Amino acid sequence: MANWSDPRTTAAPITRTRTRDMARDEGLRSYMLSVYNYMASGVLLTGIVALLFSWGGASSPAAAVFLQPGPLKYLIMFSPLIFVMVMSFGINRLSTTAAQGLFWAFAAVMGLSMSTIFLRYTGGSIALTFFSTTAAFLALSLYGYTTKKDLTGFGTFLIMGVVGLIVASLLNLFFQSGMLSLVISGVGVLLFAGLTAYDTQRIKNMYYQVAGTDFAGKAVILGALSLYLDFVNMFQFLLSFMGGNRD
C-alpha cells in the first residue's frame, strides 16, 4: 500500500509539472523574441533602403522613378504585395531559409516603395511619427501578449475593416477627396492598432501548435511579417496626420 503521508510520492509529479511549465514558458519567450527581432530588423532594413533611395531629394533615384511617368514605379509599388502573397499562401512549400530570404527581400522592396515619404515629408515629422508609432505598437503588442481576454472575435471584424479600407482607398484615387483621405487615415490607424494586439495574441497562441515541429521556424517569419505590416501601415496612416509637408 502506498504511504500517502510520504511527501516524496507527490513531490516528484509537482516538480515535473513545474519543469514542463518552465520549459514551455522559456520556449514561448524565445519564440516571441525571434518574431520581434525579425520584425524590428525588417523595419530597420526598410528604413535604411528608403532613406538611401531618396537621398538627394529631387535628384535622387526615388524622384527619378516616382516623379516621372513610366511602369517602373508601379512595379515597385505592387511588388511588396506579391511577396506577401507568396509568403502567406506558399509558406508550406517553402523551406525556412527560403522564407527568411523572401522576408528580407520584401523588407528591401518595401523600402524602395516607401522612399517617397522622404520626398514628401520633413525628416523631423517622419522621426516624430516613427517614435509615436513605436510607442503605440509596443503598448498594443504588450496588451495582446498579456491580456486574458480572447481577441479572436475581433479578428474577423478587423480584417473586414481592412478590406473596406482598401476599397475606399481605391475609390479615392478617382475622387481625390481630402476629407475622405483624412477619414481613411483615421480609420486605418484604429484598424491596425487593433490588429497589432490581435496578431500578437494570435502569434503567441500559434506557438503552442508549432512548438517542436519543423514549421516553427516558418511560423516565426509569418509572425514577423504580420507585425511588420501592422507597424508599417499604422506608421503610414499616422504620418498623414503628423507629417509636415516639404515646401
C-alpha atoms as a PDB file:
ATOM      1  CA  MET A   1       0.000   0.000   0.000  1.00  0.00           C
ATOM      2  CA  ALA A   2       1.318   3.459  -0.866  1.00  0.00           C
ATOM      3  CA  ASN A   3       2.305   5.649   2.033  1.00  0.00           C
ATOM      4  CA  TRP A   4       0.197   8.746   1.355  1.00  0.00           C
ATOM      5  CA  SER A   5       1.874  10.616   4.173  1.00  0.00           C
ATOM      6  CA  ASP A   6       5.245  10.328   2.424  1.00  0.00           C
ATOM      7  CA  PRO A   7       5.887  13.704   0.655  1.00  0.00           C
ATOM      8  CA  ARG A   8       8.142  12.004  -1.872  1.00  0.00           C
ATOM      9  CA  THR A   9       5.123  10.432  -3.573  1.00  0.00           C
ATOM     10  CA  THR A  10       3.705  13.865  -4.537  1.00  0.00           C
ATOM     11  CA  ALA A  11       6.864  15.955  -4.808  1.00  0.00           C
ATOM     12  CA  ALA A  12       8.093  14.258  -7.974  1.00  0.00           C
ATOM     13  CA  PRO A  13       4.929  14.870 -10.087  1.00  0.00           C
ATOM     14  CA  ILE A  14       4.773  18.509  -8.921  1.00  0.00           C
ATOM     15  CA  THR A  15       8.430  19.014  -9.780  1.00  0.00           C
ATOM     16  CA  ARG A  16       7.981  17.502 -13.239  1.00  0.00           C
ATOM     17  CA  THR A  17       4.941  19.740 -13.859  1.00  0.00           C
ATOM     18  CA  ARG A  18       6.844  22.843 -12.826  1.00  0.00           C
ATOM     19  CA  THR A  19       9.770  21.838 -15.013  1.00  0.00           C
ATOM     20  CA  ARG A  20       7.485  21.383 -18.029  1.00  0.00           C
ATOM     21  CA  ASP A  21       5.825  24.748 -17.363  1.00  0.00           C
ATOM     22  CA  MET A  22       9.201  26.492 -17.065  1.00  0.00           C
ATOM     23  CA  ALA A  23      10.412  24.882 -20.292  1.00  0.00           C
ATOM     24  CA  ARG A  24       7.213  25.911 -22.090  1.00  0.00           C
ATOM     25  CA  ASP A  25       7.465  29.499 -20.833  1.00  0.00           C
ATOM     26  CA  GLU A  26      11.104  29.692 -21.839  1.00  0.00           C
ATOM     27  CA  GLY A  27      10.275  28.326 -25.288  1.00  0.00           C
ATOM     28  CA  LEU A  28       7.500  30.895 -25.718  1.00  0.00           C
ATOM     29  CA  ARG A  29       9.784  33.757 -24.726  1.00  0.00           C
ATOM     30  CA  SER A  30      12.444  32.588 -27.171  1.00  0.00           C
ATOM     31  CA  TYR A  31       9.836  32.207 -29.929  1.00  0.00           C
ATOM     32  CA  MET A  32       8.330  35.668 -29.398  1.00  0.00           C
ATOM     33  CA  LEU A  33      11.781  37.240 -29.134  1.00  0.00           C
ATOM     34  CA  SER A  34      12.671  35.758 -32.524  1.00  0.00           C
ATOM     35  CA  VAL A  35       9.450  37.165 -34.005  1.00  0.00           C
ATOM     36  CA  TYR A  36      10.155  40.646 -32.654  1.00  0.00           C
ATOM     37  CA  ASN A  37      13.800  40.508 -33.751  1.00  0.00           C
ATOM     38  CA  TYR A  38      12.851  39.651 -37.327  1.00  0.00           C
ATOM     39  CA  MET A  39      10.104  42.272 -37.361  1.00  0.00           C
ATOM     40  CA  ALA A  40      12.358  45.036 -35.970  1.00  0.00           C
ATOM     41  CA  SER A  41      15.215  44.098 -38.311  1.00  0.00           C
ATOM     42  CA  GLY A  42      12.819  44.198 -41.255  1.00  0.00           C
ATOM     43  CA  VAL A  43      11.597  47.674 -40.286  1.00  0.00           C
ATOM     44  CA  LEU A  44      15.204  48.825 -39.915  1.00  0.00           C
ATOM     45  CA  LEU A  45      16.147  47.462 -43.346  1.00  0.00           C
ATOM     46  CA  THR A  46      13.110  49.154 -44.896  1.00  0.00           C
ATOM     47  CA  GLY A  47      14.054  52.476 -43.341  1.00  0.00           C
ATOM     48  CA  ILE A  48      17.669  52.290 -44.495  1.00  0.00           C
ATOM     49  CA  VAL A  49      16.717  51.370 -48.073  1.00  0.00           C
ATOM     50  CA  ALA A  50      14.060  54.110 -48.193  1.00  0.00           C
ATOM     51  CA  LEU A  51      16.493  56.737 -46.922  1.00  0.00           C
ATOM     52  CA  LEU A  52      19.281  55.753 -49.313  1.00  0.00           C
ATOM     53  CA  PHE A  53      16.954  55.523 -52.335  1.00  0.00           C
ATOM     54  CA  SER A  54      15.606  59.013 -51.636  1.00  0.00           C
ATOM     55  CA  TRP A  55      18.980  60.548 -50.765  1.00  0.00           C
ATOM     56  CA  GLY A  56      19.439  63.702 -52.768  1.00  0.00           C
ATOM     57  CA  GLY A  57      15.824  64.817 -52.814  1.00  0.00           C
ATOM     58  CA  ALA A  58      14.713  65.951 -56.251  1.00  0.00           C
ATOM     59  CA  SER A  59      17.837  64.444 -57.816  1.00  0.00           C
ATOM     60  CA  SER A  60      17.528  61.092 -56.018  1.00  0.00           C
ATOM     61  CA  PRO A  61      16.761  57.743 -57.664  1.00  0.00           C
ATOM     62  CA  ALA A  62      13.374  57.784 -55.893  1.00  0.00           C
ATOM     63  CA  ALA A  63      12.467  61.091 -57.536  1.00  0.00           C
ATOM     64  CA  ALA A  64      13.608  59.794 -60.913  1.00  0.00           C
ATOM     65  CA  VAL A  65      11.325  56.767 -60.563  1.00  0.00           C
ATOM     66  CA  PHE A  66       8.245  58.097 -58.797  1.00  0.00           C
ATOM     67  CA  LEU A  67       8.043  61.656 -60.103  1.00  0.00           C
ATOM     68  CA  GLN A  68       8.350  60.645 -63.730  1.00  0.00           C
ATOM     69  CA  PRO A  69       5.885  58.672 -65.880  1.00  0.00           C
ATOM     70  CA  GLY A  70       6.749  55.048 -66.507  1.00  0.00           C
ATOM     71  CA  PRO A  71       5.915  51.476 -65.484  1.00  0.00           C
ATOM     72  CA  LEU A  72       8.834  51.076 -63.068  1.00  0.00           C
ATOM     73  CA  LYS A  73       7.143  52.975 -60.256  1.00  0.00           C
ATOM     74  CA  TYR A  74       4.082  50.710 -60.469  1.00  0.00           C
ATOM     75  CA  LEU A  75       6.289  47.627 -60.432  1.00  0.00           C
ATOM     76  CA  ILE A  76       7.974  48.857 -57.231  1.00  0.00           C
ATOM     77  CA  MET A  77       4.654  49.863 -55.661  1.00  0.00           C
ATOM     78  CA  PHE A  78       2.956  46.494 -56.203  1.00  0.00           C
ATOM     79  CA  SER A  79       5.960  44.181 -55.743  1.00  0.00           C
ATOM     80  CA  PRO A  80       5.572  44.026 -51.926  1.00  0.00           C
ATOM     81  CA  LEU A  81       2.055  42.649 -52.382  1.00  0.00           C
ATOM     82  CA  ILE A  82       3.438  39.802 -54.479  1.00  0.00           C
ATOM     83  CA  PHE A  83       5.973  38.940 -51.758  1.00  0.00           C
ATOM     84  CA  VAL A  84       3.233  38.922 -49.098  1.00  0.00           C
ATOM     85  CA  MET A  85       1.038  36.623 -51.177  1.00  0.00           C
ATOM     86  CA  VAL A  86       3.897  34.199 -51.875  1.00  0.00           C
ATOM     87  CA  MET A  87       4.885  34.003 -48.202  1.00  0.00           C
ATOM     88  CA  SER A  88       1.305  33.788 -46.936  1.00  0.00           C
ATOM     89  CA  PHE A  89      -0.124  31.248 -49.367  1.00  0.00           C
ATOM     90  CA  GLY A  90       3.031  29.356 -50.335  1.00  0.00           C
ATOM     91  CA  ILE A  91       4.659  29.012 -46.935  1.00  0.00           C
ATOM     92  CA  ASN A  92       4.100  25.227 -46.800  1.00  0.00           C
ATOM     93  CA  ARG A  93       6.111  24.761 -49.996  1.00  0.00           C
ATOM     94  CA  LEU A  94       8.963  26.990 -48.836  1.00  0.00           C
ATOM     95  CA  SER A  95      11.902  25.993 -46.706  1.00  0.00           C
ATOM     96  CA  THR A  96      12.664  28.065 -43.616  1.00  0.00           C
ATOM     97  CA  THR A  97      15.727  29.519 -45.343  1.00  0.00           C
ATOM     98  CA  ALA A  98      13.694  30.479 -48.404  1.00  0.00           C
ATOM     99  CA  ALA A  99      11.038  32.117 -46.206  1.00  0.00           C
ATOM    100  CA  GLN A 100      13.735  34.116 -44.437  1.00  0.00           C
ATOM    101  CA  GLY A 101      15.222  35.227 -47.750  1.00  0.00           C
ATOM    102  CA  LEU A 102      11.819  36.310 -49.048  1.00  0.00           C
ATOM    103  CA  PHE A 103      11.187  38.278 -45.862  1.00  0.00           C
ATOM    104  CA  TRP A 104      14.421  40.261 -46.255  1.00  0.00           C
ATOM    105  CA  ALA A 105      13.741  40.828 -49.955  1.00  0.00           C
ATOM    106  CA  PHE A 106      10.229  42.016 -49.094  1.00  0.00           C
ATOM    107  CA  ALA A 107      11.569  44.458 -46.483  1.00  0.00           C
ATOM    108  CA  ALA A 108      14.057  45.864 -49.016  1.00  0.00           C
ATOM    109  CA  VAL A 109      11.414  46.293 -51.737  1.00  0.00           C
ATOM    110  CA  MET A 110       9.141  47.968 -49.184  1.00  0.00           C
ATOM    111  CA  GLY A 111      11.971  50.405 -48.581  1.00  0.00           C
ATOM    112  CA  LEU A 112      12.009  51.308 -52.269  1.00  0.00           C
ATOM    113  CA  SER A 113       8.226  51.724 -52.242  1.00  0.00           C
ATOM    114  CA  MET A 114       8.214  53.877 -49.085  1.00  0.00           C
ATOM    115  CA  SER A 115      11.086  56.114 -50.171  1.00  0.00           C
ATOM    116  CA  THR A 116       8.571  58.696 -51.379  1.00  0.00           C
ATOM    117  CA  ILE A 117       7.818  59.713 -47.786  1.00  0.00           C
ATOM    118  CA  PHE A 118      11.266  61.344 -47.634  1.00  0.00           C
ATOM    119  CA  LEU A 119      10.373  63.356 -50.728  1.00  0.00           C
ATOM    120  CA  ARG A 120       7.006  64.452 -49.351  1.00  0.00           C
ATOM    121  CA  TYR A 121       7.501  64.899 -45.599  1.00  0.00           C
ATOM    122  CA  THR A 122      10.152  66.590 -43.478  1.00  0.00           C
ATOM    123  CA  GLY A 123      12.691  64.426 -41.677  1.00  0.00           C
ATOM    124  CA  GLY A 124      11.592  65.750 -38.284  1.00  0.00           C
ATOM    125  CA  SER A 125       7.948  64.828 -38.814  1.00  0.00           C
ATOM    126  CA  ILE A 126       8.928  61.370 -40.058  1.00  0.00           C
ATOM    127  CA  ALA A 127      11.073  60.784 -36.963  1.00  0.00           C
ATOM    128  CA  LEU A 128       8.328  62.023 -34.617  1.00  0.00           C
ATOM    129  CA  THR A 129       5.730  59.816 -36.276  1.00  0.00           C
ATOM    130  CA  PHE A 130       8.072  56.827 -36.181  1.00  0.00           C
ATOM    131  CA  PHE A 131       8.704  57.136 -32.439  1.00  0.00           C
ATOM    132  CA  SER A 132       4.991  57.729 -31.776  1.00  0.00           C
ATOM    133  CA  THR A 133       4.138  54.610 -33.772  1.00  0.00           C
ATOM    134  CA  THR A 134       6.804  52.624 -31.938  1.00  0.00           C
ATOM    135  CA  ALA A 135       5.415  53.627 -28.535  1.00  0.00           C
ATOM    136  CA  ALA A 136       1.854  52.767 -29.575  1.00  0.00           C
ATOM    137  CA  PHE A 137       2.947  49.474 -31.143  1.00  0.00           C
ATOM    138  CA  LEU A 138       4.822  48.360 -28.027  1.00  0.00           C
ATOM    139  CA  ALA A 139       1.878  49.184 -25.773  1.00  0.00           C
ATOM    140  CA  LEU A 140      -0.651  47.436 -28.013  1.00  0.00           C
ATOM    141  CA  SER A 141       1.546  44.390 -28.554  1.00  0.00           C
ATOM    142  CA  LEU A 142       2.164  44.107 -24.812  1.00  0.00           C
ATOM    143  CA  TYR A 143      -1.596  44.218 -24.255  1.00  0.00           C
ATOM    144  CA  GLY A 144      -2.147  41.484 -26.839  1.00  0.00           C
ATOM    145  CA  TYR A 145       0.535  39.335 -25.205  1.00  0.00           C
ATOM    146  CA  THR A 146      -0.612  39.699 -21.608  1.00  0.00           C
ATOM    147  CA  THR A 147      -4.403  40.014 -21.808  1.00  0.00           C
ATOM    148  CA  LYS A 148      -6.520  37.062 -20.739  1.00  0.00           C
ATOM    149  CA  LYS A 149      -9.353  38.236 -22.985  1.00  0.00           C
ATOM    150  CA  ASP A 150      -9.821  36.224 -26.168  1.00  0.00           C
ATOM    151  CA  LEU A 151      -9.387  38.632 -29.099  1.00  0.00           C
ATOM    152  CA  THR A 152     -10.299  36.070 -31.755  1.00  0.00           C
ATOM    153  CA  GLY A 153     -13.738  37.555 -32.272  1.00  0.00           C
ATOM    154  CA  PHE A 154     -12.234  40.912 -33.183  1.00  0.00           C
ATOM    155  CA  GLY A 155     -10.113  39.376 -35.941  1.00  0.00           C
ATOM    156  CA  THR A 156     -12.902  38.948 -38.488  1.00  0.00           C
ATOM    157  CA  PHE A 157     -14.210  42.450 -37.814  1.00  0.00           C
ATOM    158  CA  LEU A 158     -10.738  43.992 -38.211  1.00  0.00           C
ATOM    159  CA  ILE A 159      -9.950  42.101 -41.414  1.00  0.00           C
ATOM    160  CA  MET A 160     -13.302  43.114 -42.908  1.00  0.00           C
ATOM    161  CA  GLY A 161     -12.433  46.677 -41.943  1.00  0.00           C
ATOM    162  CA  VAL A 162      -9.113  46.441 -43.785  1.00  0.00           C
ATOM    163  CA  VAL A 163     -10.900  45.167 -46.907  1.00  0.00           C
ATOM    164  CA  GLY A 164     -13.286  48.109 -46.717  1.00  0.00           C
ATOM    165  CA  LEU A 165     -10.336  50.440 -46.212  1.00  0.00           C
ATOM    166  CA  ILE A 166      -8.661  49.142 -49.379  1.00  0.00           C
ATOM    167  CA  VAL A 167     -11.856  49.639 -51.370  1.00  0.00           C
ATOM    168  CA  ALA A 168     -12.256  53.186 -50.037  1.00  0.00           C
ATOM    169  CA  SER A 169      -8.617  53.969 -50.876  1.00  0.00           C
ATOM    170  CA  LEU A 170      -9.060  52.743 -54.444  1.00  0.00           C
ATOM    171  CA  LEU A 171     -12.206  54.838 -54.845  1.00  0.00           C
ATOM    172  CA  ASN A 172     -10.401  57.884 -53.530  1.00  0.00           C
ATOM    173  CA  LEU A 173      -7.858  57.540 -56.314  1.00  0.00           C
ATOM    174  CA  PHE A 174     -10.650  58.758 -58.595  1.00  0.00           C
ATOM    175  CA  PHE A 175     -12.418  61.199 -56.257  1.00  0.00           C
ATOM    176  CA  GLN A 176      -9.244  62.752 -54.793  1.00  0.00           C
ATOM    177  CA  SER A 177     -11.190  63.904 -51.718  1.00  0.00           C
ATOM    178  CA  GLY A 178      -9.111  65.441 -48.949  1.00  0.00           C
ATOM    179  CA  MET A 179     -11.805  64.773 -46.352  1.00  0.00           C
ATOM    180  CA  LEU A 180     -12.112  61.143 -47.406  1.00  0.00           C
ATOM    181  CA  SER A 181      -8.324  60.811 -47.193  1.00  0.00           C
ATOM    182  CA  LEU A 182      -8.410  62.011 -43.574  1.00  0.00           C
ATOM    183  CA  VAL A 183     -11.217  59.590 -42.737  1.00  0.00           C
ATOM    184  CA  ILE A 184      -9.318  56.716 -44.365  1.00  0.00           C
ATOM    185  CA  SER A 185      -6.170  57.607 -42.425  1.00  0.00           C
ATOM    186  CA  GLY A 186      -8.037  57.818 -39.116  1.00  0.00           C
ATOM    187  CA  VAL A 187      -9.807  54.506 -39.634  1.00  0.00           C
ATOM    188  CA  GLY A 188      -6.544  52.953 -40.816  1.00  0.00           C
ATOM    189  CA  VAL A 189      -4.730  53.924 -37.611  1.00  0.00           C
ATOM    190  CA  LEU A 190      -7.505  52.407 -35.479  1.00  0.00           C
ATOM    191  CA  LEU A 191      -7.733  49.200 -37.528  1.00  0.00           C
ATOM    192  CA  PHE A 192      -4.009  48.459 -37.478  1.00  0.00           C
ATOM    193  CA  ALA A 193      -3.800  49.386 -33.813  1.00  0.00           C
ATOM    194  CA  GLY A 194      -6.411  46.716 -33.152  1.00  0.00           C
ATOM    195  CA  LEU A 195      -4.643  44.261 -35.453  1.00  0.00           C
ATOM    196  CA  THR A 196      -1.394  44.747 -33.535  1.00  0.00           C
ATOM    197  CA  ALA A 197      -2.992  43.453 -30.327  1.00  0.00           C
ATOM    198  CA  TYR A 198      -4.936  40.736 -32.166  1.00  0.00           C
ATOM    199  CA  ASP A 199      -1.947  39.479 -34.161  1.00  0.00           C
ATOM    200  CA  THR A 200       0.284  39.407 -31.089  1.00  0.00           C
ATOM    201  CA  GLN A 201      -2.165  37.155 -29.261  1.00  0.00           C
ATOM    202  CA  ARG A 202      -2.615  35.000 -32.376  1.00  0.00           C
ATOM    203  CA  ILE A 203       1.153  34.598 -32.796  1.00  0.00           C
ATOM    204  CA  LYS A 204       1.510  33.720 -29.121  1.00  0.00           C
ATOM    205  CA  ASN A 205      -1.204  31.068 -29.378  1.00  0.00           C
ATOM    206  CA  MET A 206       0.367  29.678 -32.556  1.00  0.00           C
ATOM    207  CA  TYR A 207       3.480  28.777 -30.586  1.00  0.00           C
ATOM    208  CA  TYR A 208       1.616  26.032 -28.727  1.00  0.00           C
ATOM    209  CA  GLN A 209       0.631  24.492 -32.059  1.00  0.00           C
ATOM    210  CA  VAL A 210       4.031  24.599 -33.780  1.00  0.00           C
ATOM    211  CA  ALA A 211       6.464  24.161 -30.877  1.00  0.00           C
ATOM    212  CA  GLY A 212       8.831  21.313 -31.620  1.00  0.00           C
ATOM    213  CA  THR A 213       7.727  20.960 -35.248  1.00  0.00           C
ATOM    214  CA  ASP A 214       9.550  21.759 -38.477  1.00  0.00           C
ATOM    215  CA  PHE A 215       7.079  24.577 -39.098  1.00  0.00           C
ATOM    216  CA  ALA A 216       8.217  26.577 -36.064  1.00  0.00           C
ATOM    217  CA  GLY A 217      10.906  28.476 -37.988  1.00  0.00           C
ATOM    218  CA  LYS A 218       8.454  29.440 -40.733  1.00  0.00           C
ATOM    219  CA  ALA A 219       5.864  30.431 -38.129  1.00  0.00           C
ATOM    220  CA  VAL A 220       8.372  32.946 -36.766  1.00  0.00           C
ATOM    221  CA  ILE A 221       8.682  34.527 -40.230  1.00  0.00           C
ATOM    222  CA  LEU A 222       4.905  34.665 -40.699  1.00  0.00           C
ATOM    223  CA  GLY A 223       4.501  36.233 -37.272  1.00  0.00           C
ATOM    224  CA  ALA A 224       7.184  38.818 -38.007  1.00  0.00           C
ATOM    225  CA  LEU A 225       5.528  39.599 -41.343  1.00  0.00           C
ATOM    226  CA  SER A 226       2.139  40.193 -39.673  1.00  0.00           C
ATOM    227  CA  LEU A 227       3.553  42.533 -37.030  1.00  0.00           C
ATOM    228  CA  TYR A 228       5.718  44.290 -39.629  1.00  0.00           C
ATOM    229  CA  LEU A 229       2.642  45.046 -41.747  1.00  0.00           C
ATOM    230  CA  ASP A 230       0.726  46.264 -38.691  1.00  0.00           C
ATOM    231  CA  PHE A 231       3.567  48.612 -37.732  1.00  0.00           C
ATOM    232  CA  VAL A 232       4.265  49.972 -41.203  1.00  0.00           C
ATOM    233  CA  ASN A 233       0.621  50.565 -42.053  1.00  0.00           C
ATOM    234  CA  MET A 234      -0.061  52.262 -38.728  1.00  0.00           C
ATOM    235  CA  PHE A 235       3.024  54.440 -39.320  1.00  0.00           C
ATOM    236  CA  GLN A 236       1.936  55.463 -42.812  1.00  0.00           C
ATOM    237  CA  PHE A 237      -1.618  56.315 -41.797  1.00  0.00           C
ATOM    238  CA  LEU A 238      -0.400  58.241 -38.754  1.00  0.00           C
ATOM    239  CA  LEU A 239       2.066  60.115 -40.937  1.00  0.00           C
ATOM    240  CA  SER A 240      -0.872  61.528 -42.865  1.00  0.00           C
ATOM    241  CA  PHE A 241      -1.852  63.381 -39.683  1.00  0.00           C
ATOM    242  CA  MET A 242       1.515  64.165 -38.127  1.00  0.00           C
ATOM    243  CA  GLY A 243       3.683  64.572 -41.221  1.00  0.00           C
ATOM    244  CA  GLY A 244       4.800  68.060 -42.198  1.00  0.00           C
ATOM    245  CA  ASN A 245       4.988  68.511 -45.955  1.00  0.00           C
ATOM    246  CA  ARG A 246       8.172  69.791 -47.548  1.00  0.00           C
ATOM    247  CA  ASP A 247       7.949  73.194 -49.185  1.00  0.00           C
END
